[in-house]
Amino acid sequence: MRRTVFRPEHDAFRSVVREFFQDEVVPEYPEWEKAGRPPRSFWYRAGALGLLGVGVPEAFGGLAGSGFKHSAVITEEAQRAGLAIGGVRVHTDICMPYFLEYATAEQQERWLPALTSGEAVSALALSEPGAGSDLKALSTSARRDGDHYVVDGAKTFISNGLAADLVILAVKTDRSAGRHGISLLVVDAQTPGFERGPRLEKIGQKAQDLSELFFTDMHVPVQNLLGEENRGFAYLTANLAQERLSIGLNSQAAAVAALEATVANVASGALPSGQHAKFELAACAAEVQAGQALTDRALDAHEAGELMPEDAAVVKLYCTELQGRVVDRCLQLHGVAGCSRTSVLGRAYADARVSRIYGGSSEIMKVIVAKSLGL
């Protein structure tokens, strides 16, 4: 299917990203999975190529003339290469907007050059042992003490938690105000009272680190407050459309990669090419084309500033469920051989499952879409 969503500058960037992933990341990737995360050298290399500076002004080391479609290129090329490196999307698509939208000029000068170069990795710490999707229930607290906030609490299931140098931390600054008492603090991981738990084992995405974070009498300078105090919930919800579009794009790209790998194996004779295989792949192709049309339309809308939260919810709901269906059907065609962790489809199957949960579960997406229907 011919795509018109990308322009020549995106195509040129795609060539750079594809070469980088194939030549420098793919050979190392098995070691990343064993270690549970990419090495710091990867972040420096990605920063030098501009992958971490998408959408960031050049004055802070950003990639000239770049926008979210450049992030989409990175996502597509990572999946094409069989890489589950969601930590990059966490850094660029999820965390970076907070620094760009709510940080002061002084804060941007302090943080952005390190974030774009790979010197600093970022994470967003929301989920807690007793509060997942329900942000108003979070209990990590921050009380003002002179020119510092004193933070106590814990976070869990934090992507980039082990690698992060700067953590955007959601805290309760007014316990009596529910969602209207949440603030965002940027925490330097070297701050006394900041501790990381061990790497959390997962069924998939083995090269993506996930951990718990603990805060005990941690003193964070007031100058590290993002935006205004008690406005954190509004800031978090404002970026949800991009976050969910990012996840949907990743799932769509994963479905494309699974389909292409399976078609290639059938065409080469590595898999049977009977009518059943042809029908299954034809059905997958129809679904993948529908998902591509949906994501491409959303990309254009987002670039124009017209992507609505409910539209992003549709993208995440459809494409993450699509990923599950397509990868499952392709794995079935591979039989027992596809169930190995060393096979492309085996890794894709394990990596896919969480996409229907993080960033808002499929059930949450259905609630949002139903509300947009007036239900």
Protein backbone atom coordinates (compact mmCIF):
# COMPACT_ATOMS: atom_id res chain seq x y z
CA MET A 1 0.00 0.00 0.00
CA ARG A 2 1.45 3.35 -1.06
CA ARG A 3 1.83 5.76 1.87
CA THR A 4 1.81 9.54 1.54
CA VAL A 5 2.20 10.38 5.21
CA PHE A 6 5.99 10.77 5.01
CA ARG A 7 7.99 13.39 3.09
CA PRO A 8 11.50 13.17 1.56
CA GLU A 9 13.14 14.38 4.78
CA HIS A 10 11.51 11.48 6.64
CA ASP A 11 12.74 9.04 4.00
CA ALA A 12 16.30 10.34 4.34
CA PHE A 13 16.09 10.01 8.13
CA ARG A 14 14.70 6.49 7.74
CA SER A 15 17.81 5.44 5.82
CA VAL A 16 20.05 6.67 8.65
CA VAL A 17 17.96 4.94 11.33
CA ARG A 18 17.72 1.67 9.39
CA GLU A 19 21.48 1.52 8.87
CA PHE A 20 22.13 2.29 12.55
CA PHE A 21 19.77 -0.40 13.80
CA GLN A 22 20.96 -3.06 11.36
CA ASP A 23 24.69 -2.41 11.67
CA GLU A 24 25.08 -1.41 15.30
CA VAL A 25 22.09 -2.58 17.32
CA VAL A 26 20.97 -5.92 15.84
CA PRO A 27 24.36 -7.61 16.44
CA GLU A 28 24.32 -6.50 20.10
CA TYR A 29 20.63 -7.07 20.80
CA PRO A 30 20.93 -10.60 22.30
CA GLU A 31 23.31 -9.18 24.90
CA TRP A 32 20.85 -6.39 25.66
CA GLU A 33 18.16 -8.98 26.34
CA LYS A 34 20.47 -10.83 28.73
CA ALA A 35 21.40 -7.59 30.50
CA GLY A 36 17.78 -6.39 30.59
CA ARG A 37 18.51 -3.03 29.00
CA PRO A 38 20.63 -1.26 26.38
CA PRO A 39 24.13 -0.16 27.41
CA ARG A 40 24.82 3.53 27.94
CA SER A 41 26.86 3.52 24.74
CA PHE A 42 23.61 2.98 22.80
CA TRP A 43 22.10 6.17 24.22
CA TYR A 44 25.20 8.16 23.27
CA ARG A 45 25.16 6.74 19.72
CA ALA A 46 21.43 7.39 19.36
CA GLY A 47 21.93 10.93 20.62
CA ALA A 48 24.74 11.62 18.17
CA LEU A 49 22.47 10.59 15.26
CA GLY A 50 19.63 12.81 16.45
CA LEU A 51 17.28 10.02 17.52
CA LEU A 52 16.90 11.51 21.01
CA GLY A 53 16.41 15.08 19.80
CA VAL A 54 13.23 14.67 17.77
CA GLY A 55 11.08 17.76 18.13
CA VAL A 56 13.64 19.55 20.29
CA PRO A 57 15.01 22.99 19.28
CA GLU A 58 18.47 22.90 17.73
CA ALA A 59 19.75 25.22 20.45
CA PHE A 60 19.43 22.32 22.89
CA GLY A 61 20.91 19.70 20.56
CA GLY A 62 17.66 18.79 18.85
CA LEU A 63 17.26 17.33 15.37
CA ALA A 64 16.74 20.18 12.89
CA GLY A 65 13.25 20.42 11.42
CA SER A 66 12.04 17.28 13.16
CA GLY A 67 8.64 16.37 14.52
CA PHE A 68 6.62 13.41 15.69
CA LYS A 69 6.71 11.75 12.27
CA HIS A 70 10.45 11.32 12.77
CA SER A 71 9.61 9.41 15.96
CA ALA A 72 7.24 7.27 13.92
CA VAL A 73 10.11 6.44 11.57
CA ILE A 74 12.26 5.32 14.51
CA THR A 75 9.44 3.14 15.81
CA GLU A 76 8.79 1.51 12.45
CA GLU A 77 12.45 0.81 11.82
CA ALA A 78 12.95 -0.68 15.29
CA GLN A 79 10.13 -3.15 14.69
CA ARG A 80 11.37 -3.88 11.18
CA ALA A 81 14.70 -4.88 12.73
CA GLY A 82 12.98 -7.00 15.40
CA LEU A 83 13.95 -4.68 18.25
CA ALA A 84 11.75 -4.08 21.28
CA ILE A 85 13.39 -0.91 22.56
CA GLY A 86 10.43 0.93 23.99
CA GLY A 87 12.74 2.86 26.30
CA VAL A 88 13.55 5.15 23.38
CA ARG A 89 9.86 5.96 22.90
CA VAL A 90 9.51 6.54 26.65
CA HIS A 91 12.38 9.01 26.45
CA THR A 92 11.33 10.87 23.29
CA ASP A 93 7.56 10.46 22.88
CA ILE A 94 6.43 10.33 26.51
CA CYS A 95 8.94 12.19 28.68
CA MET A 96 10.34 14.83 26.34
CA PRO A 97 7.02 16.70 25.85
CA TYR A 98 6.95 17.54 29.55
CA PHE A 99 10.37 19.17 29.34
CA LEU A 100 9.36 21.04 26.19
CA GLU A 101 5.94 22.20 27.36
CA TYR A 102 6.28 22.84 31.09
CA ALA A 103 9.95 23.39 31.91
CA THR A 104 11.14 26.95 32.39
CA ALA A 105 13.88 28.39 30.18
CA GLU A 106 16.39 27.78 32.97
CA GLN A 107 15.24 24.18 33.40
CA GLN A 108 15.43 23.54 29.66
CA GLU A 109 18.99 24.86 29.52
CA ARG A 110 19.84 22.61 32.46
CA TRP A 111 18.24 19.38 31.21
CA LEU A 112 17.62 19.32 27.46
CA PRO A 113 21.22 19.15 26.17
CA ALA A 114 21.88 16.09 28.33
CA LEU A 115 18.60 14.46 27.26
CA THR A 116 19.25 14.93 23.54
CA SER A 117 22.88 13.77 23.70
CA GLY A 118 22.21 10.57 25.64
CA GLU A 119 24.09 11.82 28.67
CA ALA A 120 20.81 11.64 30.60
CA VAL A 121 18.03 9.05 30.19
CA SER A 122 14.52 9.90 31.34
CA ALA A 123 11.61 8.02 32.88
CA LEU A 124 8.05 8.88 33.89
CA ALA A 125 7.08 7.51 37.31
CA LEU A 126 3.32 7.25 37.77
CA SER A 127 2.21 3.72 38.72
CA GLU A 128 2.33 2.67 42.34
CA PRO A 129 1.79 -0.64 44.13
CA GLY A 130 -1.70 0.57 45.06
CA ALA A 131 -2.45 2.92 42.18
CA GLY A 132 -2.20 2.01 38.51
CA SER A 133 -4.50 3.73 36.02
CA ASP A 134 -6.25 5.66 38.82
CA LEU A 135 -3.87 8.59 39.30
CA LYS A 136 -5.98 10.27 41.95
CA ALA A 137 -5.27 7.27 44.21
CA LEU A 138 -1.49 7.71 44.18
CA SER A 139 0.08 8.09 47.60
CA THR A 140 3.67 9.22 46.99
CA SER A 141 3.75 12.54 48.83
CA ALA A 142 5.80 15.73 48.64
CA ARG A 143 5.60 18.29 51.43
CA ARG A 144 7.15 21.72 51.12
CA ASP A 145 10.04 22.41 53.47
CA GLY A 146 11.66 25.73 52.68
CA ASP A 147 13.23 25.57 49.23
CA HIS A 148 12.78 21.80 48.95
CA TYR A 149 10.03 19.22 48.66
CA VAL A 150 10.43 16.23 50.96
CA VAL A 151 9.26 13.13 49.10
CA ASP A 152 8.25 9.75 50.50
CA GLY A 153 6.68 6.83 48.67
CA ALA A 154 7.26 4.24 45.95
CA LYS A 155 6.57 3.63 42.26
CA THR A 156 6.42 0.37 40.35
CA PHE A 157 6.55 -0.92 36.76
CA ILE A 158 8.67 2.05 35.70
CA SER A 159 10.11 1.78 32.19
CA ASN A 160 13.74 3.03 32.08
CA GLY A 161 13.65 2.88 35.88
CA LEU A 162 17.12 1.35 36.12
CA ALA A 163 18.70 3.50 33.42
CA ALA A 164 17.07 6.85 34.20
CA ASP A 165 19.15 9.81 35.32
CA LEU A 166 16.13 12.15 35.41
CA VAL A 167 12.75 10.92 36.60
CA ILE A 168 9.53 12.88 36.11
CA LEU A 169 7.79 11.98 39.35
CA ALA A 170 4.07 12.36 40.03
CA VAL A 171 3.50 13.25 43.68
CA LYS A 172 0.69 14.39 45.93
CA THR A 173 1.35 17.93 47.10
CA ASP A 174 -2.21 18.31 48.43
CA ARG A 175 -3.55 15.05 49.86
CA SER A 176 -7.07 16.44 50.29
CA ALA A 177 -7.53 17.54 46.66
CA GLY A 178 -7.59 14.20 44.80
CA ARG A 179 -6.45 14.58 41.21
CA HIS A 180 -6.24 18.34 41.72
CA GLY A 181 -3.45 17.88 44.28
CA ILE A 182 -0.90 16.22 41.98
CA SER A 183 2.38 17.88 40.99
CA LEU A 184 5.32 16.84 38.82
CA LEU A 185 8.89 16.95 40.09
CA VAL A 186 12.03 16.20 38.08
CA VAL A 187 14.26 14.06 40.27
CA ASP A 188 17.97 13.54 39.76
CA ALA A 189 18.64 9.85 40.39
CA GLN A 190 21.71 10.80 42.46
CA THR A 191 19.52 12.51 45.05
CA PRO A 192 19.92 11.03 48.56
CA GLY A 193 16.82 9.02 49.46
CA PHE A 194 16.31 7.79 45.88
CA GLU A 195 16.62 4.01 45.54
CA ARG A 196 15.99 1.54 42.75
CA GLY A 197 14.62 -1.94 43.22
CA PRO A 198 15.88 -4.94 41.22
CA ARG A 199 14.96 -5.39 37.56
CA LEU A 200 11.45 -6.79 37.25
CA GLU A 201 11.27 -9.95 35.14
CA LYS A 202 8.75 -9.86 32.28
CA ILE A 203 7.37 -12.37 29.78
CA GLY A 204 8.53 -10.20 26.88
CA GLN A 205 10.44 -7.03 26.00
CA LYS A 206 13.54 -8.44 27.63
CA ALA A 207 15.77 -5.56 26.49
CA GLN A 208 13.51 -2.97 28.15
CA ASP A 209 14.25 -2.38 31.82
CA LEU A 210 11.39 -2.19 34.29
CA SER A 211 11.82 -1.55 37.99
CA GLU A 212 10.48 -0.24 41.25
CA LEU A 213 11.61 3.10 42.66
CA PHE A 214 11.64 4.08 46.33
CA PHE A 215 11.83 7.53 47.94
CA THR A 216 12.64 8.01 51.61
CA ASP A 217 12.95 11.53 53.02
CA MET A 218 14.17 12.60 49.58
CA HIS A 219 14.77 16.35 49.31
CA VAL A 220 14.03 17.71 45.82
CA PRO A 221 14.73 21.40 45.11
CA VAL A 222 11.63 23.51 44.48
CA GLN A 223 13.35 24.68 41.29
CA ASN A 224 12.77 21.14 39.95
CA LEU A 225 8.98 21.58 39.96
CA LEU A 226 7.57 21.22 36.43
CA GLY A 227 4.98 23.88 35.73
CA GLU A 228 2.70 24.89 38.57
CA GLU A 229 2.08 23.08 41.82
CA ASN A 230 -1.08 20.92 41.84
CA ARG A 231 -1.44 21.11 38.05
CA GLY A 232 0.22 17.76 37.38
CA PHE A 233 -2.94 15.85 36.47
CA ALA A 234 -3.76 18.33 33.71
CA TYR A 235 -0.21 18.08 32.38
CA LEU A 236 -0.33 14.27 32.38
CA THR A 237 -3.65 14.06 30.54
CA ALA A 238 -2.53 16.64 27.96
CA ASN A 239 0.15 14.26 26.64
CA LEU A 240 -1.99 11.12 26.61
CA ALA A 241 -2.96 11.47 22.94
CA GLN A 242 0.68 11.38 21.80
CA GLU A 243 1.54 8.60 24.26
CA ARG A 244 -1.27 6.40 23.00
CA LEU A 245 -0.54 7.20 19.37
CA SER A 246 3.08 6.17 20.01
CA ILE A 247 1.96 2.82 21.43
CA GLY A 248 -0.47 2.28 18.57
CA LEU A 249 2.23 3.02 16.00
CA ASN A 250 4.55 0.53 17.66
CA SER A 251 1.87 -2.17 17.60
CA GLN A 252 1.02 -1.47 13.98
CA ALA A 253 4.70 -1.67 13.00
CA ALA A 254 5.04 -4.94 14.92
CA ALA A 255 2.07 -6.42 13.04
CA VAL A 256 3.60 -5.34 9.72
CA ALA A 257 6.93 -6.93 10.66
CA ALA A 258 5.30 -10.21 11.73
CA LEU A 259 3.29 -10.41 8.52
CA GLU A 260 6.29 -9.64 6.31
CA ALA A 261 8.45 -12.23 8.07
CA THR A 262 5.79 -14.90 7.68
CA VAL A 263 5.10 -14.09 4.03
CA ALA A 264 8.84 -14.33 3.34
CA ASN A 265 9.02 -17.75 5.01
CA VAL A 266 6.07 -19.04 3.00
CA ALA A 267 7.47 -17.63 -0.24
CA SER A 268 10.88 -19.20 0.40
CA GLY A 269 9.42 -22.62 1.11
CA ALA A 270 10.42 -22.54 4.79
CA LEU A 271 6.71 -22.83 5.62
CA PRO A 272 3.93 -24.68 3.76
CA SER A 273 2.26 -22.57 1.08
CA GLY A 274 -1.11 -24.26 0.91
CA GLN A 275 -4.49 -22.60 0.76
CA HIS A 276 -4.80 -22.34 4.53
CA ALA A 277 -1.57 -20.33 4.83
CA LYS A 278 -2.59 -18.10 1.93
CA PHE A 279 -6.01 -17.40 3.44
CA GLU A 280 -4.58 -16.66 6.86
CA LEU A 281 -1.99 -14.26 5.47
CA ALA A 282 -4.54 -12.58 3.22
CA ALA A 283 -6.76 -11.96 6.24
CA CYS A 284 -3.81 -10.56 8.18
CA ALA A 285 -2.87 -8.33 5.25
CA ALA A 286 -6.37 -6.85 5.14
CA GLU A 287 -6.25 -6.03 8.84
CA VAL A 288 -2.75 -4.60 8.62
CA GLN A 289 -3.77 -2.29 5.77
CA ALA A 290 -6.74 -1.06 7.80
CA GLY A 291 -4.44 -0.37 10.76
CA GLN A 292 -1.97 1.44 8.52
CA ALA A 293 -4.66 3.72 7.15
CA LEU A 294 -5.79 4.47 10.71
CA THR A 295 -2.31 5.28 12.03
CA ASP A 296 -1.31 7.33 8.99
CA ARG A 297 -4.45 9.43 9.31
CA ALA A 298 -3.73 9.93 13.01
CA LEU A 299 -0.13 10.96 12.24
CA ASP A 300 -1.35 13.67 9.86
CA ALA A 301 -3.92 14.85 12.41
CA HIS A 302 -1.31 14.96 15.17
CA GLU A 303 1.10 16.96 13.03
CA ALA A 304 -1.72 19.44 12.34
CA GLY A 305 -2.55 19.66 16.06
CA GLU A 306 -5.95 18.08 15.46
CA LEU A 307 -5.62 14.63 17.06
CA MET A 308 -8.34 14.29 19.70
CA PRO A 309 -7.87 12.06 22.77
CA GLU A 310 -10.71 9.79 21.70
CA ASP A 311 -9.13 9.37 18.26
CA ALA A 312 -5.83 8.38 19.86
CA ALA A 313 -7.74 5.92 22.03
CA VAL A 314 -9.21 4.35 18.88
CA VAL A 315 -5.71 3.99 17.42
CA LYS A 316 -4.33 2.36 20.55
CA LEU A 317 -7.33 0.06 20.98
CA TYR A 318 -7.44 -1.12 17.38
CA CYS A 319 -3.72 -1.43 16.71
CA THR A 320 -2.75 -3.17 19.95
CA GLU A 321 -5.58 -5.69 19.51
CA LEU A 322 -4.55 -6.02 15.84
CA GLN A 323 -0.98 -6.75 16.88
CA GLY A 324 -2.17 -9.57 19.11
CA ARG A 325 -4.32 -11.14 16.40
CA VAL A 326 -1.78 -10.89 13.58
CA VAL A 327 1.22 -12.09 15.58
CA ASP A 328 -0.82 -14.98 16.97
CA ARG A 329 -1.98 -16.12 13.51
CA CYS A 330 1.53 -15.80 12.07
CA LEU A 331 2.97 -17.78 14.98
CA GLN A 332 0.37 -20.49 14.43
CA LEU A 333 1.59 -20.91 10.85
CA HIS A 334 5.15 -21.39 12.12
CA GLY A 335 4.08 -24.17 14.49
CA VAL A 336 6.32 -25.31 17.33
CA ALA A 337 9.38 -23.66 15.78
CA GLY A 338 7.74 -20.26 16.22
CA CYS A 339 7.39 -20.73 19.97
CA SER A 340 11.10 -20.41 20.64
CA ARG A 341 12.49 -17.24 22.22
CA THR A 342 15.17 -17.33 19.53
CA SER A 343 12.60 -17.08 16.71
CA VAL A 344 11.35 -13.76 15.35
CA LEU A 345 7.72 -14.73 15.92
CA GLY A 346 8.36 -16.12 19.39
CA ARG A 347 9.90 -12.86 20.55
CA ALA A 348 7.19 -10.85 18.79
CA TYR A 349 4.47 -12.87 20.53
CA ALA A 350 5.93 -12.35 24.00
CA ASP A 351 6.68 -8.68 23.35
CA ALA A 352 3.16 -7.96 22.10
CA ARG A 353 1.06 -8.86 25.11
CA VAL A 354 1.72 -5.85 27.30
CA SER A 355 0.71 -3.35 24.61
CA ARG A 356 -2.94 -3.97 25.47
CA ILE A 357 -2.24 -3.00 29.07
CA TYR A 358 0.30 -0.19 29.40
CA GLY A 359 -0.56 3.38 28.51
CA GLY A 360 -4.17 2.59 29.41
CA SER A 361 -5.65 -0.87 28.98
CA SER A 362 -7.99 -1.84 26.14
CA GLU A 363 -10.85 -1.58 28.62
CA ILE A 364 -9.91 2.02 29.44
CA MET A 365 -9.73 2.81 25.71
CA LYS A 366 -13.24 1.41 25.27
CA VAL A 367 -14.51 3.64 28.07
CA ILE A 368 -13.00 6.71 26.36
CA VAL A 369 -14.42 5.80 22.95
CA ALA A 370 -17.83 5.02 24.45
CA LYS A 371 -17.90 8.45 26.12
CA SER A 372 -17.11 10.08 22.77
CA LEU A 373 -20.22 8.32 21.43
CA GLY A 374 -22.29 9.94 24.16
CA LEU A 375 -22.66 6.68 26.08
